[in-house]
Amino acid sequence: MPHPNLDQISLANVLSVLGDQTRLAIVGYLACNEGLAVSCGQFSEFGSKTNLSYHLAKLREAGITHTEVAGTSRLISLRRADLDSRFPGLLDSIITAAQELPALERLRDEA
């Protein structure tokens, strides 16, 4: 799966992609599970498989997430080190905003 190199990640594209609440919620969920690669199935709370595939592709293409193919699964993780290196402090601000989304609050309440 193609991922942008560090120098190809643009602030305008990152902010544009994160302007969608579903994608912002996915980033928040990944932040709650930092250090773990999360399978696509764990995002079912955020929409249909087709819808999620679209959102996950947008996040990957913007350089926000890394997708690793593992057999028939896709494992998603944040590209925290890359984003922190390129835009210091940005991801922390984004994660703080994402934690206030109703979808993430429901998931935390269920856990």
N, C-alpha and C. Protein backbone atom coordinates (compact mmCIF):
# COMPACT_ATOMS: atom_id res chain seq x y z
N MET A 1 0.84 -1.17 0.00
CA MET A 1 0.00 0.00 0.00
C MET A 1 0.89 1.24 0.00
N PRO A 2 0.60 2.18 -0.86
CA PRO A 2 1.44 3.39 -0.91
C PRO A 2 1.16 4.33 0.26
N HIS A 3 2.24 4.85 0.82
CA HIS A 3 2.18 5.85 1.89
C HIS A 3 3.06 7.01 1.46
N PRO A 4 2.68 8.23 1.77
CA PRO A 4 3.55 9.36 1.41
C PRO A 4 4.82 9.36 2.26
N ASN A 5 5.91 9.81 1.66
CA ASN A 5 7.14 10.02 2.42
C ASN A 5 6.93 11.20 3.35
N LEU A 6 7.79 11.32 4.34
CA LEU A 6 7.67 12.38 5.32
C LEU A 6 7.59 13.76 4.67
N ASP A 7 8.43 14.02 3.67
CA ASP A 7 8.44 15.34 3.03
C ASP A 7 7.23 15.56 2.12
N GLN A 8 6.44 14.53 1.86
CA GLN A 8 5.24 14.67 1.04
C GLN A 8 3.99 14.94 1.88
N ILE A 9 4.10 14.89 3.19
CA ILE A 9 2.95 15.14 4.06
C ILE A 9 2.79 16.66 4.19
N SER A 10 1.64 17.16 3.73
CA SER A 10 1.42 18.61 3.79
C SER A 10 0.41 18.95 4.87
N LEU A 11 0.63 20.08 5.52
CA LEU A 11 -0.26 20.54 6.58
C LEU A 11 -1.67 20.75 6.04
N ALA A 12 -1.79 21.36 4.88
CA ALA A 12 -3.11 21.62 4.30
C ALA A 12 -3.87 20.32 4.09
N ASN A 13 -3.21 19.30 3.59
CA ASN A 13 -3.88 18.02 3.34
C ASN A 13 -4.26 17.34 4.65
N VAL A 14 -3.37 17.35 5.63
CA VAL A 14 -3.66 16.74 6.93
C VAL A 14 -4.89 17.41 7.55
N LEU A 15 -4.90 18.73 7.57
CA LEU A 15 -6.03 19.45 8.16
C LEU A 15 -7.33 19.21 7.38
N SER A 16 -7.23 19.16 6.08
CA SER A 16 -8.40 18.91 5.24
C SER A 16 -8.99 17.53 5.53
N VAL A 17 -8.14 16.53 5.60
CA VAL A 17 -8.60 15.16 5.86
C VAL A 17 -9.21 15.05 7.25
N LEU A 18 -8.65 15.75 8.22
CA LEU A 18 -9.15 15.67 9.59
C LEU A 18 -10.35 16.58 9.84
N GLY A 19 -10.81 17.26 8.81
CA GLY A 19 -12.01 18.07 8.92
C GLY A 19 -13.28 17.23 8.96
N ASP A 20 -13.13 15.94 8.72
CA ASP A 20 -14.27 15.02 8.75
C ASP A 20 -14.33 14.35 10.13
N GLN A 21 -15.50 14.36 10.76
CA GLN A 21 -15.63 13.82 12.13
C GLN A 21 -15.35 12.33 12.22
N THR A 22 -15.69 11.57 11.19
CA THR A 22 -15.41 10.14 11.23
C THR A 22 -13.90 9.90 11.25
N ARG A 23 -13.18 10.60 10.40
CA ARG A 23 -11.72 10.44 10.36
C ARG A 23 -11.08 10.95 11.66
N LEU A 24 -11.62 12.03 12.19
CA LEU A 24 -11.12 12.55 13.46
C LEU A 24 -11.35 11.52 14.58
N ALA A 25 -12.51 10.88 14.57
CA ALA A 25 -12.82 9.85 15.57
C ALA A 25 -11.88 8.65 15.43
N ILE A 26 -11.56 8.28 14.19
CA ILE A 26 -10.63 7.17 13.97
C ILE A 26 -9.26 7.51 14.55
N VAL A 27 -8.80 8.72 14.32
CA VAL A 27 -7.51 9.15 14.89
C VAL A 27 -7.57 9.13 16.40
N GLY A 28 -8.67 9.59 16.98
CA GLY A 28 -8.83 9.55 18.44
C GLY A 28 -8.79 8.13 18.97
N TYR A 29 -9.45 7.21 18.26
CA TYR A 29 -9.46 5.81 18.67
C TYR A 29 -8.05 5.22 18.60
N LEU A 30 -7.33 5.53 17.52
CA LEU A 30 -5.95 5.04 17.39
C LEU A 30 -5.07 5.60 18.51
N ALA A 31 -5.30 6.85 18.87
CA ALA A 31 -4.52 7.47 19.95
C ALA A 31 -4.78 6.78 21.28
N CYS A 32 -6.03 6.36 21.50
CA CYS A 32 -6.37 5.64 22.74
C CYS A 32 -5.69 4.28 22.79
N ASN A 33 -5.33 3.76 21.64
CA ASN A 33 -4.68 2.45 21.53
C ASN A 33 -3.27 2.60 20.98
N GLU A 34 -2.62 3.69 21.35
CA GLU A 34 -1.30 4.02 20.81
C GLU A 34 -0.30 2.89 21.06
N GLY A 35 0.50 2.66 20.05
CA GLY A 35 1.50 1.60 20.14
C GLY A 35 0.99 0.27 19.61
N LEU A 36 -0.31 0.19 19.37
CA LEU A 36 -0.91 -1.03 18.84
C LEU A 36 -1.41 -0.77 17.43
N ALA A 37 -1.24 -1.76 16.58
CA ALA A 37 -1.84 -1.69 15.26
C ALA A 37 -3.26 -2.25 15.41
N VAL A 38 -4.23 -1.52 14.93
CA VAL A 38 -5.64 -1.86 15.11
C VAL A 38 -6.19 -2.39 13.79
N SER A 39 -6.94 -3.49 13.85
CA SER A 39 -7.53 -4.03 12.62
C SER A 39 -8.73 -3.19 12.21
N CYS A 40 -9.02 -3.22 10.93
CA CYS A 40 -10.14 -2.44 10.38
C CYS A 40 -11.46 -2.75 11.07
N GLY A 41 -11.66 -4.01 11.46
CA GLY A 41 -12.91 -4.41 12.08
C GLY A 41 -13.21 -3.70 13.38
N GLN A 42 -12.19 -3.16 14.03
CA GLN A 42 -12.40 -2.48 15.30
C GLN A 42 -13.00 -1.08 15.13
N PHE A 43 -13.15 -0.64 13.89
CA PHE A 43 -13.73 0.67 13.63
C PHE A 43 -15.19 0.58 13.23
N SER A 44 -15.82 -0.59 13.39
CA SER A 44 -17.18 -0.79 12.91
C SER A 44 -18.18 0.19 13.52
N GLU A 45 -17.87 0.71 14.69
CA GLU A 45 -18.74 1.71 15.34
C GLU A 45 -18.86 2.99 14.51
N PHE A 46 -17.87 3.23 13.65
CA PHE A 46 -17.80 4.49 12.92
C PHE A 46 -18.46 4.46 11.53
N GLY A 47 -18.97 3.31 11.11
CA GLY A 47 -19.65 3.27 9.81
C GLY A 47 -19.57 1.91 9.14
N SER A 48 -20.08 1.86 7.91
CA SER A 48 -20.07 0.63 7.13
C SER A 48 -18.66 0.31 6.65
N LYS A 49 -18.46 -0.91 6.20
CA LYS A 49 -17.14 -1.33 5.71
C LYS A 49 -16.69 -0.46 4.54
N THR A 50 -17.59 -0.20 3.62
CA THR A 50 -17.26 0.62 2.46
C THR A 50 -16.88 2.03 2.87
N ASN A 51 -17.66 2.61 3.77
CA ASN A 51 -17.40 3.95 4.26
C ASN A 51 -16.05 4.00 5.00
N LEU A 52 -15.81 2.99 5.83
CA LEU A 52 -14.55 2.95 6.57
C LEU A 52 -13.36 2.80 5.65
N SER A 53 -13.48 1.98 4.63
CA SER A 53 -12.38 1.81 3.67
C SER A 53 -12.01 3.15 3.06
N TYR A 54 -13.02 3.92 2.70
CA TYR A 54 -12.79 5.25 2.13
C TYR A 54 -12.05 6.15 3.12
N HIS A 55 -12.55 6.21 4.36
CA HIS A 55 -11.93 7.08 5.36
C HIS A 55 -10.51 6.63 5.72
N LEU A 56 -10.31 5.33 5.83
CA LEU A 56 -8.96 4.82 6.15
C LEU A 56 -7.99 5.11 5.01
N ALA A 57 -8.45 5.03 3.78
CA ALA A 57 -7.60 5.36 2.64
C ALA A 57 -7.21 6.83 2.66
N LYS A 58 -8.18 7.70 2.96
CA LYS A 58 -7.89 9.14 3.04
C LYS A 58 -6.84 9.43 4.12
N LEU A 59 -6.97 8.78 5.28
CA LEU A 59 -6.00 8.98 6.36
C LEU A 59 -4.61 8.49 5.96
N ARG A 60 -4.55 7.34 5.29
CA ARG A 60 -3.27 6.80 4.84
C ARG A 60 -2.64 7.70 3.78
N GLU A 61 -3.42 8.12 2.80
CA GLU A 61 -2.92 8.95 1.71
C GLU A 61 -2.43 10.31 2.20
N ALA A 62 -3.00 10.81 3.30
CA ALA A 62 -2.57 12.09 3.87
C ALA A 62 -1.31 11.93 4.73
N GLY A 63 -0.96 10.68 5.04
CA GLY A 63 0.23 10.45 5.86
C GLY A 63 -0.05 10.43 7.35
N ILE A 64 -1.32 10.33 7.73
CA ILE A 64 -1.69 10.35 9.14
C ILE A 64 -1.60 8.96 9.75
N THR A 65 -1.92 7.95 8.95
CA THR A 65 -1.87 6.57 9.44
C THR A 65 -0.95 5.73 8.57
N HIS A 66 -0.57 4.60 9.13
CA HIS A 66 0.19 3.59 8.40
C HIS A 66 -0.68 2.34 8.35
N THR A 67 -0.79 1.74 7.18
CA THR A 67 -1.57 0.52 7.01
C THR A 67 -0.62 -0.61 6.63
N GLU A 68 -0.69 -1.66 7.42
CA GLU A 68 0.15 -2.83 7.17
C GLU A 68 -0.75 -4.00 6.79
N VAL A 69 -0.41 -4.66 5.70
CA VAL A 69 -1.18 -5.82 5.27
C VAL A 69 -0.65 -7.04 6.02
N ALA A 70 -1.57 -7.76 6.67
CA ALA A 70 -1.22 -8.97 7.41
C ALA A 70 -2.21 -10.06 7.00
N GLY A 71 -1.87 -10.80 5.97
CA GLY A 71 -2.80 -11.80 5.44
C GLY A 71 -4.00 -11.11 4.84
N THR A 72 -5.18 -11.44 5.35
CA THR A 72 -6.40 -10.79 4.85
C THR A 72 -6.78 -9.57 5.68
N SER A 73 -5.99 -9.27 6.69
CA SER A 73 -6.27 -8.13 7.57
C SER A 73 -5.45 -6.92 7.18
N ARG A 74 -5.93 -5.78 7.59
CA ARG A 74 -5.20 -4.52 7.47
C ARG A 74 -5.04 -3.99 8.88
N LEU A 75 -3.80 -3.72 9.27
CA LEU A 75 -3.53 -3.19 10.60
C LEU A 75 -3.19 -1.72 10.48
N ILE A 76 -3.91 -0.89 11.21
CA ILE A 76 -3.79 0.56 11.10
C ILE A 76 -3.12 1.10 12.36
N SER A 77 -2.18 2.04 12.18
CA SER A 77 -1.55 2.71 13.31
C SER A 77 -1.29 4.17 12.94
N LEU A 78 -1.18 5.01 13.97
CA LEU A 78 -0.85 6.42 13.74
C LEU A 78 0.61 6.56 13.34
N ARG A 79 0.90 7.51 12.50
CA ARG A 79 2.29 7.83 12.16
C ARG A 79 2.74 8.98 13.07
N ARG A 80 2.67 8.73 14.37
CA ARG A 80 2.95 9.77 15.35
C ARG A 80 4.34 10.37 15.19
N ALA A 81 5.35 9.54 15.10
CA ALA A 81 6.73 10.05 15.00
C ALA A 81 6.89 10.94 13.77
N ASP A 82 6.34 10.50 12.65
CA ASP A 82 6.44 11.30 11.42
C ASP A 82 5.70 12.62 11.55
N LEU A 83 4.48 12.58 12.07
CA LEU A 83 3.70 13.81 12.21
C LEU A 83 4.31 14.75 13.25
N ASP A 84 4.81 14.19 14.36
CA ASP A 84 5.45 15.04 15.37
C ASP A 84 6.73 15.68 14.83
N SER A 85 7.44 14.96 14.00
CA SER A 85 8.66 15.51 13.41
C SER A 85 8.34 16.59 12.38
N ARG A 86 7.31 16.36 11.60
CA ARG A 86 6.94 17.31 10.53
C ARG A 86 6.20 18.54 11.08
N PHE A 87 5.26 18.30 12.02
CA PHE A 87 4.43 19.37 12.57
C PHE A 87 4.37 19.22 14.09
N PRO A 88 5.41 19.67 14.80
CA PRO A 88 5.46 19.47 16.26
C PRO A 88 4.22 20.03 16.97
N GLY A 89 3.62 19.19 17.82
CA GLY A 89 2.47 19.60 18.62
C GLY A 89 1.12 19.47 17.94
N LEU A 90 1.10 19.32 16.62
CA LEU A 90 -0.17 19.27 15.89
C LEU A 90 -0.99 18.05 16.28
N LEU A 91 -0.38 16.88 16.30
CA LEU A 91 -1.13 15.66 16.58
C LEU A 91 -1.72 15.68 17.99
N ASP A 92 -1.00 16.21 18.95
CA ASP A 92 -1.53 16.30 20.32
C ASP A 92 -2.79 17.16 20.36
N SER A 93 -2.80 18.26 19.63
CA SER A 93 -3.98 19.13 19.56
C SER A 93 -5.14 18.42 18.89
N ILE A 94 -4.85 17.69 17.84
CA ILE A 94 -5.89 16.95 17.11
C ILE A 94 -6.49 15.87 18.00
N ILE A 95 -5.64 15.16 18.72
CA ILE A 95 -6.11 14.08 19.60
C ILE A 95 -6.97 14.65 20.72
N THR A 96 -6.59 15.78 21.27
CA THR A 96 -7.38 16.43 22.31
C THR A 96 -8.78 16.75 21.79
N ALA A 97 -8.86 17.29 20.59
CA ALA A 97 -10.16 17.60 19.99
C ALA A 97 -10.96 16.33 19.72
N ALA A 98 -10.29 15.29 19.27
CA ALA A 98 -10.97 14.03 18.95
C ALA A 98 -11.56 13.37 20.18
N GLN A 99 -10.94 13.53 21.32
CA GLN A 99 -11.40 12.88 22.54
C GLN A 99 -12.77 13.40 22.98
N GLU A 100 -13.17 14.55 22.48
CA GLU A 100 -14.46 15.14 22.85
C GLU A 100 -15.60 14.72 21.92
N LEU A 101 -15.31 13.89 20.92
CA LEU A 101 -16.35 13.46 19.98
C LEU A 101 -17.28 12.44 20.64
N PRO A 102 -18.57 12.55 20.40
CA PRO A 102 -19.54 11.63 21.01
C PRO A 102 -19.26 10.16 20.70
N ALA A 103 -18.80 9.83 19.50
CA ALA A 103 -18.53 8.43 19.14
C ALA A 103 -17.45 7.83 20.04
N LEU A 104 -16.43 8.61 20.36
CA LEU A 104 -15.37 8.10 21.24
C LEU A 104 -15.84 8.00 22.68
N GLU A 105 -16.67 8.93 23.10
CA GLU A 105 -17.21 8.86 24.47
C GLU A 105 -18.04 7.60 24.64
N ARG A 106 -18.85 7.24 23.62
CA ARG A 106 -19.64 6.00 23.69
C ARG A 106 -18.73 4.78 23.80
N LEU A 107 -17.66 4.75 23.02
CA LEU A 107 -16.75 3.61 23.06
C LEU A 107 -16.07 3.50 24.43
N ARG A 108 -15.69 4.63 25.00
CA ARG A 108 -15.05 4.60 26.33
C ARG A 108 -16.03 4.12 27.39
N ASP A 109 -17.29 4.53 27.27
CA ASP A 109 -18.31 4.12 28.24
C ASP A 109 -18.57 2.62 28.16
N GLU A 110 -18.47 2.05 26.95
CA GLU A 110 -18.71 0.61 26.77
C GLU A 110 -17.54 -0.24 27.25
N ALA A 111 -16.35 0.34 27.32
CA ALA A 111 -15.15 -0.43 27.69
C ALA A 111 -15.11 -0.74 29.18
